[in-house]
Amino acid sequence: MVNIQVNWKFLTTRPYGIVLTGRMISSITLTILMWSLRYKLYTSENLNFINTFIGFWSIISLTAHLFNLQKNLSTVPNSYFYIPFAKVDFIFGIFGAILYTIETFMVFMGIINSYYFYLGDFLLMLLTLVICIVSAVIFGYYSLLLHVQTQNIKDLPIKEMVIEGDKITYFTPSERTNEKISI
């Protein structure tokens, strides 16, 4: 029988848990808003697909951190199985910050160039603009947090980070405890 433990405290730990939770909520909300405004803003289907993909990855990443899948998954001594979620999250963070900045400009131009027959359309587009800005900031901030942690430690890159919500530890397969430095 497998004993699955969920780390619910991760959702509210500062700074990494709160940022990952906010990243998931904002990207899913933005995906829903962009799909509902696709005929009003005339966005391409590729942009909606990328929004959906980033939202899906945010769900996977937060779920993996909730179930502690970012740590060593092997129970056999002197062996390891490690999924580098920090590295993938860093890449998605940079890509998401750039994408959501471009989307912010597209939504802003859509607000300026659209005719509004209902107040609800304008408010929905304004909400989409605000969530685009928030998503770009959250994705960029998370990547910046990960990058700042590697500034003083040259021999432990992002691919060996284990994000625990309130701190970052580094995974090294050579040690039995699998944690080298706690920051």
Protein backbone atom coordinates (compact mmCIF):
# COMPACT_ATOMS: atom_id res chain seq x y z
CA MET A 1 0.00 0.00 0.00
CA VAL A 2 1.32 3.42 -0.94
CA ASN A 3 1.16 6.13 1.68
CA ILE A 4 0.53 9.44 -0.08
CA GLN A 5 1.03 12.57 1.95
CA VAL A 6 -0.11 15.97 0.74
CA ASN A 7 1.84 19.01 1.85
CA TRP A 8 -1.04 21.50 2.23
CA LYS A 9 1.24 23.95 4.02
CA PHE A 10 3.08 24.51 0.74
CA LEU A 11 0.20 26.60 -0.61
CA THR A 12 0.62 29.29 2.05
CA THR A 13 4.37 29.27 2.69
CA ARG A 14 6.30 32.35 1.72
CA PRO A 15 7.66 33.14 -0.83
CA TYR A 16 7.70 30.16 -3.18
CA GLY A 17 4.44 28.48 -2.22
CA ILE A 18 2.38 31.66 -2.46
CA VAL A 19 4.00 32.61 -5.78
CA LEU A 20 3.36 29.16 -7.30
CA THR A 21 -0.24 29.22 -6.08
CA GLY A 22 -0.78 32.72 -7.48
CA ARG A 23 0.88 31.71 -10.73
CA MET A 24 -1.53 28.81 -11.17
CA ILE A 25 -4.62 30.85 -10.29
CA SER A 26 -3.68 33.78 -12.54
CA SER A 27 -2.72 31.63 -15.52
CA ILE A 28 -5.92 29.55 -15.35
CA THR A 29 -8.05 32.68 -14.93
CA LEU A 30 -6.30 34.33 -17.85
CA THR A 31 -6.77 31.23 -20.00
CA ILE A 32 -10.51 31.23 -19.31
CA LEU A 33 -10.78 34.97 -20.00
CA MET A 34 -8.80 34.78 -23.24
CA TRP A 35 -10.91 31.87 -24.50
CA SER A 36 -14.07 33.83 -23.70
CA LEU A 37 -12.75 36.93 -25.49
CA ARG A 38 -11.27 35.22 -28.55
CA TYR A 39 -13.89 36.65 -30.92
CA LYS A 40 -13.78 40.10 -29.37
CA LEU A 41 -9.99 40.44 -29.35
CA TYR A 42 -9.38 38.37 -32.50
CA THR A 43 -6.51 36.53 -30.89
CA SER A 44 -4.97 33.66 -32.74
CA GLU A 45 -5.63 30.08 -31.76
CA ASN A 46 -1.89 29.60 -31.19
CA LEU A 47 -1.96 32.18 -28.41
CA ASN A 48 -4.91 30.46 -26.77
CA PHE A 49 -3.14 27.11 -27.09
CA ILE A 50 -0.01 28.52 -25.41
CA ASN A 51 -2.15 30.01 -22.62
CA THR A 52 -3.78 26.63 -22.09
CA PHE A 53 -0.42 24.86 -22.10
CA ILE A 54 1.10 27.26 -19.54
CA GLY A 55 -1.99 26.96 -17.35
CA PHE A 56 -1.80 23.17 -17.57
CA TRP A 57 1.88 23.23 -16.63
CA SER A 58 1.10 25.49 -13.66
CA ILE A 59 -1.40 22.90 -12.42
CA ILE A 60 1.13 20.08 -12.88
CA SER A 61 3.89 22.03 -11.13
CA LEU A 62 1.78 23.00 -8.13
CA THR A 63 0.41 19.46 -7.82
CA ALA A 64 3.93 18.03 -7.93
CA HIS A 65 5.03 20.40 -5.19
CA LEU A 66 1.98 19.50 -3.11
CA PHE A 67 2.87 15.80 -3.30
CA ASN A 68 6.63 16.50 -2.80
CA LEU A 69 7.55 15.08 -6.21
CA GLN A 70 10.38 17.62 -6.55
CA LYS A 71 12.49 15.62 -4.06
CA ASN A 72 14.28 12.29 -4.43
CA LEU A 73 11.61 9.77 -5.39
CA SER A 74 13.77 6.68 -4.97
CA THR A 75 13.59 4.65 -1.77
CA VAL A 76 16.55 2.43 -2.66
CA PRO A 77 19.76 3.41 -0.80
CA ASN A 78 22.51 5.04 -2.90
CA SER A 79 20.17 5.63 -5.84
CA TYR A 80 18.13 8.58 -6.87
CA PHE A 81 15.30 9.56 -9.15
CA TYR A 82 14.89 13.29 -9.40
CA ILE A 83 12.67 15.48 -11.59
CA PRO A 84 14.16 19.00 -11.91
CA PHE A 85 10.96 21.02 -11.49
CA ALA A 86 12.90 24.17 -10.58
CA LYS A 87 14.67 24.22 -13.96
CA VAL A 88 11.47 23.64 -15.93
CA ASP A 89 9.62 26.22 -13.80
CA PHE A 90 12.42 28.71 -14.43
CA ILE A 91 12.14 28.24 -18.20
CA PHE A 92 8.34 28.44 -18.10
CA GLY A 93 8.62 31.54 -15.91
CA ILE A 94 10.77 33.39 -18.43
CA PHE A 95 8.61 32.26 -21.34
CA GLY A 96 5.41 33.11 -19.44
CA ALA A 97 6.64 36.58 -18.49
CA ILE A 98 7.46 37.35 -22.12
CA LEU A 99 4.21 35.86 -23.44
CA TYR A 100 2.01 37.62 -20.90
CA THR A 101 3.75 40.94 -21.58
CA ILE A 102 2.95 40.55 -25.28
CA GLU A 103 -0.62 39.58 -24.38
CA THR A 104 -0.89 42.69 -22.21
CA PHE A 105 -0.11 44.88 -25.20
CA MET A 106 -2.52 42.91 -27.39
CA VAL A 107 -5.35 43.26 -24.87
CA PHE A 108 -4.57 46.96 -24.42
CA MET A 109 -4.77 47.49 -28.19
CA GLY A 110 -7.99 45.48 -28.22
CA ILE A 111 -9.46 47.79 -25.58
CA ILE A 112 -8.51 50.87 -27.59
CA ASN A 113 -9.68 49.57 -30.98
CA SER A 114 -12.93 47.84 -30.02
CA TYR A 115 -16.46 49.10 -30.10
CA TYR A 116 -18.39 48.44 -26.94
CA PHE A 117 -22.08 47.73 -27.13
CA TYR A 118 -22.21 46.52 -23.53
CA LEU A 119 -20.48 47.67 -20.38
CA GLY A 120 -19.79 44.02 -19.57
CA ASP A 121 -17.48 43.67 -22.60
CA PHE A 122 -15.39 46.62 -21.49
CA LEU A 123 -15.19 45.38 -17.90
CA LEU A 124 -14.25 41.87 -19.05
CA MET A 125 -11.47 43.24 -21.24
CA LEU A 126 -10.27 45.48 -18.42
CA LEU A 127 -10.19 42.49 -16.06
CA THR A 128 -8.25 40.54 -18.68
CA LEU A 129 -5.73 43.39 -18.96
CA VAL A 130 -5.20 43.47 -15.19
CA ILE A 131 -4.79 39.68 -14.97
CA CYS A 132 -2.33 39.76 -17.91
CA ILE A 133 -0.19 42.27 -16.03
CA VAL A 134 -0.43 40.26 -12.79
CA SER A 135 0.49 37.02 -14.61
CA ALA A 136 3.51 38.60 -16.29
CA VAL A 137 4.73 39.97 -12.95
CA ILE A 138 4.20 36.68 -11.09
CA PHE A 139 5.97 34.57 -13.72
CA GLY A 140 8.86 37.02 -13.93
CA TYR A 141 9.12 37.33 -10.15
CA TYR A 142 9.27 33.57 -9.67
CA SER A 143 12.07 33.23 -12.23
CA LEU A 144 13.88 36.12 -10.58
CA LEU A 145 13.58 34.43 -7.17
CA LEU A 146 15.11 31.25 -8.57
CA HIS A 147 17.87 33.14 -10.38
CA VAL A 148 18.82 35.17 -7.30
CA GLN A 149 19.36 31.97 -5.31
CA THR A 150 22.10 30.89 -7.74
CA GLN A 151 24.11 34.12 -7.61
CA ASN A 152 26.39 33.22 -4.71
CA ILE A 153 26.52 29.48 -5.29
CA LYS A 154 28.30 28.76 -8.56
CA ASP A 155 28.60 24.99 -8.23
CA LEU A 156 24.89 24.31 -7.56
CA PRO A 157 22.76 25.47 -10.49
CA ILE A 158 19.00 25.75 -10.89
CA LYS A 159 18.68 22.15 -12.08
CA GLU A 160 19.61 20.89 -8.59
CA MET A 161 17.21 23.12 -6.63
CA VAL A 162 14.48 21.60 -4.48
CA ILE A 163 11.79 24.18 -3.72
CA GLU A 164 10.14 23.56 -0.39
CA GLY A 165 7.88 26.60 -0.12
CA ASP A 166 9.77 28.73 2.37
CA LYS A 167 13.33 27.73 1.44
CA ILE A 168 15.41 26.14 -1.26
CA THR A 169 17.62 23.14 -0.70
CA TYR A 170 19.95 21.58 -3.22
CA PHE A 171 19.78 17.98 -4.37
CA THR A 172 23.07 16.19 -4.76
CA PRO A 173 23.15 12.48 -5.59
CA SER A 174 26.53 11.96 -3.91
CA GLU A 175 25.20 12.48 -0.40
CA ARG A 176 22.97 10.06 1.46
CA THR A 177 20.65 12.79 2.81
CA ASN A 178 20.20 14.26 -0.68
CA GLU A 179 20.29 17.79 0.68
CA LYS A 180 23.49 19.77 0.67
CA ILE A 181 22.75 23.37 1.49
CA SER A 182 19.72 24.92 3.06
CA ILE A 183 19.18 28.58 2.22
